[in-house]
C-alpha atoms as a PDB file:
ATOM      1  CA  MET A   1       0.000   0.000   0.000  1.00  0.00           C
ATOM      2  CA  LYS A   2       1.335   3.409  -0.981  1.00  0.00           C
ATOM      3  CA  LYS A   3       1.706   6.001   1.794  1.00  0.00           C
ATOM      4  CA  THR A   4       0.273   9.459   1.261  1.00  0.00           C
ATOM      5  CA  VAL A   5       2.414  12.553   1.764  1.00  0.00           C
ATOM      6  CA  ASP A   6       0.582  13.331   5.022  1.00  0.00           C
ATOM      7  CA  GLN A   7       1.425   9.940   6.496  1.00  0.00           C
ATOM      8  CA  THR A   8       5.134  10.373   5.847  1.00  0.00           C
ATOM      9  CA  MET A   9       5.504  13.949   7.135  1.00  0.00           C
ATOM     10  CA  CYS A  10       6.705  14.529  10.653  1.00  0.00           C
ATOM     11  CA  PRO A  11       4.471  16.583  12.991  1.00  0.00           C
ATOM     12  CA  ILE A  12       6.784  19.619  12.738  1.00  0.00           C
ATOM     13  CA  GLU A  13       6.535  19.638   8.939  1.00  0.00           C
ATOM     14  CA  LYS A  14       2.734  19.307   9.078  1.00  0.00           C
ATOM     15  CA  THR A  15       2.502  22.172  11.577  1.00  0.00           C
ATOM     16  CA  LEU A  16       4.796  24.431   9.572  1.00  0.00           C
ATOM     17  CA  ARG A  17       2.758  23.828   6.420  1.00  0.00           C
ATOM     18  CA  MET A  18      -0.269  25.161   8.282  1.00  0.00           C
ATOM     19  CA  ILE A  19       1.255  28.265   9.883  1.00  0.00           C
ATOM     20  CA  VAL A  20       4.210  29.285   7.731  1.00  0.00           C
ATOM     21  CA  GLY A  21       3.667  32.031   5.258  1.00  0.00           C
ATOM     22  CA  LYS A  22       4.546  35.649   5.398  1.00  0.00           C
ATOM     23  CA  TRP A  23       1.182  36.612   6.903  1.00  0.00           C
ATOM     24  CA  LYS A  24      -0.421  33.573   8.543  1.00  0.00           C
ATOM     25  CA  THR A  25       1.388  33.780  11.863  1.00  0.00           C
ATOM     26  CA  ILE A  26       0.820  37.537  12.033  1.00  0.00           C
ATOM     27  CA  ILE A  27      -2.901  37.037  11.406  1.00  0.00           C
ATOM     28  CA  LEU A  28      -3.020  34.368  14.118  1.00  0.00           C
ATOM     29  CA  TRP A  29      -1.170  36.748  16.474  1.00  0.00           C
ATOM     30  CA  HIS A  30      -3.748  39.514  15.946  1.00  0.00           C
ATOM     31  CA  LEU A  31      -6.693  37.131  16.265  1.00  0.00           C
ATOM     32  CA  GLY A  32      -5.213  35.982  19.575  1.00  0.00           C
ATOM     33  CA  SER A  33      -6.509  39.208  21.124  1.00  0.00           C
ATOM     34  CA  GLY A  34     -10.049  38.570  19.882  1.00  0.00           C
ATOM     35  CA  THR A  35     -12.404  38.498  16.930  1.00  0.00           C
ATOM     36  CA  LYS A  36     -11.569  40.840  14.059  1.00  0.00           C
ATOM     37  CA  ARG A  37     -13.288  41.948  10.878  1.00  0.00           C
ATOM     38  CA  TYR A  38     -11.443  41.963   7.561  1.00  0.00           C
ATOM     39  CA  GLY A  39     -10.980  45.750   7.652  1.00  0.00           C
ATOM     40  CA  GLU A  40      -9.523  45.583  11.150  1.00  0.00           C
ATOM     41  CA  LEU A  41      -6.984  42.983  10.055  1.00  0.00           C
ATOM     42  CA  LYS A  42      -6.084  45.099   7.033  1.00  0.00           C
ATOM     43  CA  LYS A  43      -5.446  48.108   9.324  1.00  0.00           C
ATOM     44  CA  LEU A  44      -3.405  46.021  11.756  1.00  0.00           C
ATOM     45  CA  ILE A  45      -1.286  44.620   8.891  1.00  0.00           C
ATOM     46  CA  PRO A  46      -1.064  47.566   6.461  1.00  0.00           C
ATOM     47  CA  THR A  47       1.731  46.055   4.346  1.00  0.00           C
ATOM     48  CA  VAL A  48      -0.266  42.955   3.338  1.00  0.00           C
ATOM     49  CA  SER A  49      -1.953  43.071  -0.066  1.00  0.00           C
ATOM     50  CA  GLU A  50      -5.649  42.288  -0.318  1.00  0.00           C
ATOM     51  CA  LYS A  51      -4.856  39.202  -2.384  1.00  0.00           C
ATOM     52  CA  MET A  52      -2.441  37.815   0.216  1.00  0.00           C
ATOM     53  CA  LEU A  53      -4.709  38.623   3.169  1.00  0.00           C
ATOM     54  CA  ILE A  54      -7.646  36.867   1.500  1.00  0.00           C
ATOM     55  CA  GLN A  55      -5.495  33.901   0.490  1.00  0.00           C
ATOM     56  CA  SER A  56      -3.999  33.565   3.979  1.00  0.00           C
ATOM     57  CA  LEU A  57      -7.421  33.768   5.634  1.00  0.00           C
ATOM     58  CA  ARG A  58      -8.760  31.076   3.284  1.00  0.00           C
ATOM     59  CA  GLU A  59      -5.829  28.776   4.046  1.00  0.00           C
ATOM     60  CA  LEU A  60      -6.163  29.317   7.798  1.00  0.00           C
ATOM     61  CA  LYS A  61      -9.880  28.528   7.533  1.00  0.00           C
ATOM     62  CA  ARG A  62      -9.186  25.449   5.395  1.00  0.00           C
ATOM     63  CA  ASP A  63      -6.747  24.200   8.037  1.00  0.00           C
ATOM     64  CA  GLU A  64      -9.366  24.867  10.733  1.00  0.00           C
ATOM     65  CA  LEU A  65      -7.206  27.386  12.583  1.00  0.00           C
ATOM     66  CA  ILE A  66      -9.769  30.179  12.264  1.00  0.00           C
ATOM     67  CA  VAL A  67     -13.534  30.436  12.018  1.00  0.00           C
ATOM     68  CA  ARG A  68     -15.155  32.751   9.473  1.00  0.00           C
ATOM     69  CA  LYS A  69     -18.602  33.971  10.452  1.00  0.00           C
ATOM     70  CA  VAL A  70     -20.760  35.792   7.900  1.00  0.00           C
ATOM     71  CA  TYR A  71     -23.683  37.900   9.070  1.00  0.00           C
ATOM     72  CA  PRO A  72     -26.599  38.228   6.631  1.00  0.00           C
ATOM     73  CA  GLU A  73     -26.773  42.000   6.432  1.00  0.00           C
ATOM     74  CA  ILE A  74     -26.010  44.727   3.933  1.00  0.00           C
ATOM     75  CA  PRO A  75     -23.210  45.510   3.593  1.00  0.00           C
ATOM     76  CA  PRO A  76     -22.016  41.991   4.463  1.00  0.00           C
ATOM     77  CA  LYS A  77     -20.308  41.656   7.820  1.00  0.00           C
ATOM     78  CA  VAL A  78     -17.639  38.971   8.182  1.00  0.00           C
ATOM     79  CA  GLU A  79     -15.714  38.196  11.363  1.00  0.00           C
ATOM     80  CA  TYR A  80     -12.674  36.010  11.921  1.00  0.00           C
ATOM     81  CA  THR A  81     -11.948  34.254  15.205  1.00  0.00           C
ATOM     82  CA  LEU A  82      -9.398  31.694  16.299  1.00  0.00           C
ATOM     83  CA  SER A  83     -10.856  28.194  16.387  1.00  0.00           C
ATOM     84  CA  ARG A  84     -10.110  25.900  19.308  1.00  0.00           C
ATOM     85  CA  ARG A  85      -7.306  24.454  17.210  1.00  0.00           C
ATOM     86  CA  GLY A  86      -6.008  27.952  16.445  1.00  0.00           C
ATOM     87  CA  LYS A  87      -6.136  28.938  20.107  1.00  0.00           C
ATOM     88  CA  SER A  88      -3.966  25.958  20.931  1.00  0.00           C
ATOM     89  CA  LEU A  89      -1.210  27.617  18.844  1.00  0.00           C
ATOM     90  CA  SER A  90      -1.265  30.782  20.979  1.00  0.00           C
ATOM     91  CA  PRO A  91       1.539  29.694  23.351  1.00  0.00           C
ATOM     92  CA  LEU A  92       3.762  28.881  20.366  1.00  0.00           C
ATOM     93  CA  ILE A  93       3.077  32.244  18.723  1.00  0.00           C
ATOM     94  CA  CYS A  94       3.637  34.096  21.998  1.00  0.00           C
ATOM     95  CA  ASN A  95       6.968  32.286  22.359  1.00  0.00           C
ATOM     96  CA  LEU A  96       7.944  33.389  18.844  1.00  0.00           C
ATOM     97  CA  ASN A  97       7.146  36.979  19.829  1.00  0.00           C
ATOM     98  CA  THR A  98       9.163  36.690  23.047  1.00  0.00           C
ATOM     99  CA  TRP A  99      12.106  35.130  21.211  1.00  0.00           C
ATOM    100  CA  GLY A 100      12.011  37.904  18.592  1.00  0.00           C
ATOM    101  CA  LYS A 101      12.026  40.638  21.230  1.00  0.00           C
ATOM    102  CA  LYS A 102      14.971  39.011  22.974  1.00  0.00           C
ATOM    103  CA  HIS A 103      17.132  38.157  19.984  1.00  0.00           C
ATOM    104  CA  LEU A 104      16.310  40.615  17.207  1.00  0.00           C
END
């Protein structure tokens, strides 16, 4: 029986595939302080392009690290929140922040 790529990857590689990207970890960091709307994230990360912010949010949602909630109103209101799985990454992301402050 042929193994799939997922079965052969180590846990570190699987984790990095989910969180590595220029913007994903930064988005997770900002969502760690609470639910944000798209416009709030764009203001908090002014150097990210719309295309990359949308793509990163889609990937984070696909990997079940964030929850996207759409409210049926006009104009549409969309909020992003860390999922339980995403919240479990908070200590790791906080440690990255602490390490950066100490060493950079």
